[in-house]
Protein backbone atom coordinates (compact mmCIF):
# COMPACT_ATOMS: atom_id res chain seq x y z
CA UNK A 1 90.35 113.16 91.43
CA UNK A 2 92.21 111.85 89.18
CA UNK A 3 93.70 108.39 88.93
CA UNK A 4 94.76 105.97 86.48
CA UNK A 5 93.94 102.46 87.32
CA UNK A 6 90.90 101.50 88.90
CA UNK A 7 90.66 97.69 91.36
CA UNK A 8 87.79 96.31 93.09
CA UNK A 9 87.65 93.54 95.34
CA UNK A 10 84.41 90.70 94.08
CA UNK A 11 82.92 91.32 97.65
CA UNK A 12 83.48 95.05 97.80
CA UNK A 13 85.36 95.28 100.67
CA UNK A 14 88.36 96.64 99.24
CA UNK A 15 88.88 99.35 96.30
CA UNK A 16 92.56 100.53 95.09
CA UNK A 17 93.52 103.39 92.86
CA UNK A 18 96.66 105.01 91.25
CA UNK A 19 96.69 108.75 92.33
CA UNK A 20 99.23 110.17 91.44
CA UNK A 21 102.90 109.16 93.05
CA UNK A 22 101.31 106.05 94.87
CA UNK A 23 98.17 103.55 95.41
CA UNK A 24 95.39 104.52 97.75
CA UNK A 25 93.89 101.01 98.61
CA UNK A 26 90.74 101.20 100.78
CA UNK A 27 89.47 97.84 103.10
CA UNK A 28 86.55 96.81 105.14
CA UNK A 29 87.37 93.98 106.87
CA UNK A 30 85.11 91.42 107.92
CA UNK A 31 83.71 91.53 111.68
CA UNK A 32 82.97 89.50 114.38
CA UNK A 33 83.67 86.33 115.53
CA UNK A 34 82.08 84.27 113.44
CA UNK A 35 84.05 85.68 110.51
CA UNK A 36 87.29 84.97 111.98
CA UNK A 37 88.47 82.64 109.55
CA UNK A 38 87.35 84.81 106.95
CA UNK A 39 88.74 87.90 108.38
CA UNK A 40 92.12 86.41 108.47
CA UNK A 41 92.16 85.06 104.95
CA UNK A 42 91.47 88.51 103.81
CA UNK A 43 94.02 90.12 105.34
CA UNK A 44 96.68 87.46 105.01
CA UNK A 45 95.65 86.90 101.27
CA UNK A 46 93.39 89.12 99.83
CA UNK A 47 95.01 92.53 101.10
CA UNK A 48 98.54 91.70 100.32
CA UNK A 49 97.48 90.34 96.68
CA UNK A 50 95.94 93.39 95.97
CA UNK A 51 98.90 95.31 97.33
CA UNK A 52 101.54 94.05 95.35
CA UNK A 53 99.70 94.23 92.39
CA UNK A 54 100.90 97.78 91.93
CA UNK A 55 104.46 99.23 91.59
CA UNK A 56 103.99 102.35 93.45
CA UNK A 57 104.09 102.95 97.20
CA UNK A 58 100.96 102.18 98.37
CA UNK A 59 98.49 103.99 101.63
CA UNK A 60 96.12 100.89 102.87
CA UNK A 61 93.48 102.25 105.85
CA UNK A 62 89.84 101.50 106.35
CA UNK A 63 88.25 99.37 109.36
CA UNK A 64 90.17 96.33 109.72
CA UNK A 65 87.86 95.05 112.45
CA UNK A 66 91.24 93.67 114.60
CA UNK A 67 93.93 94.71 116.70
CA UNK A 68 97.40 94.01 116.48
CA UNK A 69 97.97 95.17 119.33
CA UNK A 70 97.00 95.48 123.28
CA UNK A 71 97.42 98.39 123.84
CA UNK A 72 95.20 99.28 120.69
CA UNK A 73 92.14 98.05 122.67
CA UNK A 74 90.60 98.62 126.52
CA UNK A 75 87.99 96.93 128.25
CA UNK A 76 86.32 97.56 131.24
CA UNK A 77 86.53 95.47 133.42
CA UNK A 78 90.34 93.93 131.89
CA UNK A 79 90.10 90.77 129.56
CA UNK A 80 91.46 88.03 131.54
CA UNK A 81 93.79 87.01 128.70
CA UNK A 82 94.65 90.42 126.96
CA UNK A 83 96.75 88.90 124.19
CA UNK A 84 93.66 86.94 123.31
CA UNK A 85 92.48 90.27 121.46
CA UNK A 86 95.62 90.32 118.90
CA UNK A 87 95.19 89.78 115.42
CA UNK A 88 98.01 87.58 114.45
CA UNK A 89 96.94 87.85 110.62
CA UNK A 90 96.90 91.63 110.92
CA UNK A 91 100.12 91.42 112.62
CA UNK A 92 101.32 89.03 109.59
CA UNK A 93 100.49 91.37 107.22
CA UNK A 94 101.96 94.51 107.96
CA UNK A 95 105.37 92.57 108.26
CA UNK A 96 105.10 90.88 104.91
CA UNK A 97 103.97 94.02 103.26
CA UNK A 98 106.72 96.42 105.29
CA UNK A 99 104.20 99.14 106.29
CA UNK A 100 104.41 101.56 109.04
CA UNK A 101 101.59 102.74 111.59
CA UNK A 102 101.23 106.19 110.88
CA UNK A 103 99.52 106.40 114.18
CA UNK A 104 102.05 105.33 116.06
CA UNK A 105 104.60 106.93 114.04
CA UNK A 106 102.95 110.23 114.60
CA UNK A 107 101.35 110.10 117.98
CA UNK A 108 103.11 107.39 119.38
CA UNK A 109 102.23 108.44 123.10
CA UNK A 110 98.14 108.43 122.61
CA UNK A 111 96.43 105.57 122.25
CA UNK A 112 93.88 106.70 119.06
CA UNK A 113 90.72 104.59 119.69
CA UNK A 114 88.14 105.02 117.07
CA UNK A 115 85.57 102.79 118.07
CA UNK A 116 83.70 103.51 121.33
CA UNK A 117 81.30 100.61 123.08
CA UNK A 118 79.68 100.60 126.53
CA UNK A 119 82.64 98.95 127.91
CA UNK A 120 85.87 99.85 126.61
CA UNK A 121 87.16 101.01 123.13
CA UNK A 122 89.56 99.47 120.39
CA UNK A 123 91.27 100.95 117.47
CA UNK A 124 89.76 99.19 114.35
CA UNK A 125 90.79 101.93 111.65
CA UNK A 126 93.91 102.42 110.57
CA UNK A 127 96.03 103.95 108.12
CA UNK A 128 99.53 102.13 106.67
CA UNK A 129 102.01 102.97 104.39
CA UNK A 130 104.98 101.68 102.58
CA UNK A 131 108.34 102.59 104.62
CA UNK A 132 109.18 104.55 101.64
CA UNK A 133 105.73 106.75 101.88
CA UNK A 134 105.83 106.78 105.22
CA UNK A 135 107.63 110.36 106.00
CA UNK A 136 105.64 111.81 103.52
CA UNK A 137 102.58 112.07 106.15
CA UNK A 138 102.51 115.40 108.12
CA UNK A 139 100.37 114.75 110.79
CA UNK A 140 96.79 112.53 111.69
CA UNK A 141 93.90 113.07 113.99
CA UNK A 142 90.62 111.87 114.68
CA UNK A 143 87.50 113.51 114.64
CA UNK A 144 83.80 112.37 115.97
CA UNK A 145 81.29 111.93 113.54
CA UNK A 146 77.50 111.99 114.09
CA UNK A 147 76.27 109.58 111.13
CA UNK A 148 78.78 106.91 112.43
CA UNK A 149 79.97 104.91 115.71
CA UNK A 150 83.47 105.17 114.75
CA UNK A 151 85.63 108.04 114.36
CA UNK A 152 87.46 109.54 111.32
CA UNK A 153 90.97 109.73 110.50
CA UNK A 154 92.30 112.97 108.91
CA UNK A 155 95.81 113.20 107.74
CA UNK A 156 98.27 115.54 105.42
CA UNK A 157 100.37 114.37 103.18
CA UNK A 158 103.26 115.85 101.63
CA UNK A 159 104.01 115.57 97.84
CA UNK A 160 106.50 116.89 95.45
CA UNK A 161 103.95 119.72 93.62
CA UNK A 162 106.80 121.15 91.19
CA UNK A 163 107.63 117.62 89.52
CA UNK A 164 104.00 116.70 89.41
CA UNK A 165 103.22 119.88 88.01
CA UNK A 166 106.08 120.09 85.65
CA UNK A 167 104.57 116.45 84.16
CA UNK A 168 100.83 117.96 84.23
CA UNK A 169 99.14 116.90 80.74
CA UNK A 170 97.70 120.55 79.87
CA UNK A 171 101.71 121.95 80.07
CA UNK A 172 102.28 119.92 76.96
CA UNK A 173 98.91 120.95 75.50
CA UNK A 174 98.66 124.21 76.46
CA UNK A 175 101.28 126.22 78.51
CA UNK A 176 99.10 129.33 79.20
CA UNK A 177 96.27 127.12 80.60
CA UNK A 178 98.45 125.13 83.23
CA UNK A 179 100.43 127.71 84.14
CA UNK A 180 96.95 129.41 85.32
CA UNK A 181 94.83 126.37 86.24
CA UNK A 182 97.80 123.87 87.36
CA UNK A 183 101.38 126.20 88.87
CA UNK A 184 99.80 129.27 89.62
CA UNK A 185 96.89 128.33 92.50
CA UNK A 186 98.74 125.22 93.61
CA UNK A 187 102.00 127.85 94.39
CA UNK A 188 100.02 130.15 95.60
CA UNK A 189 97.90 127.70 98.00
CA UNK A 190 101.27 126.02 99.27
CA UNK A 191 103.31 129.83 100.18
CA UNK A 192 99.57 130.90 101.78
CA UNK A 193 99.51 127.63 103.94
CA UNK A 194 103.38 127.44 105.19
CA UNK A 195 103.14 130.96 106.05
CA UNK A 196 99.23 130.60 108.13
CA UNK A 197 101.74 127.70 109.71
CA UNK A 198 104.64 129.59 110.42
CA UNK A 199 102.43 132.65 112.04
CA UNK A 200 100.93 129.90 114.44
CA UNK A 201 104.19 128.63 115.40
CA UNK A 202 105.75 132.19 115.79
CA UNK A 203 102.51 133.30 118.31
CA UNK A 204 103.03 129.42 120.46
CA UNK A 205 106.76 130.05 120.98
CA UNK A 206 106.31 133.94 121.97
CA UNK A 207 103.43 132.49 124.66
CA UNK A 208 105.86 130.04 125.24
CA UNK A 209 108.92 132.28 126.05
CA UNK A 210 107.08 135.40 127.74
């Protein structure tokens, strides 16, 4: 993956890279009740500091180790004070940076809990995006991993392929190689993907109608 800028938080809890038309920020927030203050400072100070350092729209994802909505956690039996699980530091961060919760945007009727334990489940792992970039997300889903007690989030982002290809450095250096290695295979990939999705939609529509 090509990138133009790389930033690493000293404690290793955040990495930020510029990828073409957006900045990708991945985090792992401090966990546990004993780390509440450290986690709050990380979400309210560290993450915003790295986020505002970029001039590009950004995608913020990772393990937040907290929830910002009571619907993002389910306990058996239910907690006596449900609101006590909500992280106001997380809510403050999301509001301050004007972020969109991609799971809630695309799957607002599904809980999307990524961490399951003996007495319940929580949505600790999230994907947020700048409001100007949120509409580029086409879908989001979860996938179980045998090597982790958290589920993996999968998402697809729509980008302006023609514009990005036109500004590719290879186009100025060797237009024939640019055509064969960048533009042509990209157009083929997009066309095949569009045709595949169109065929699935047609089959599903026929099944529904007949």
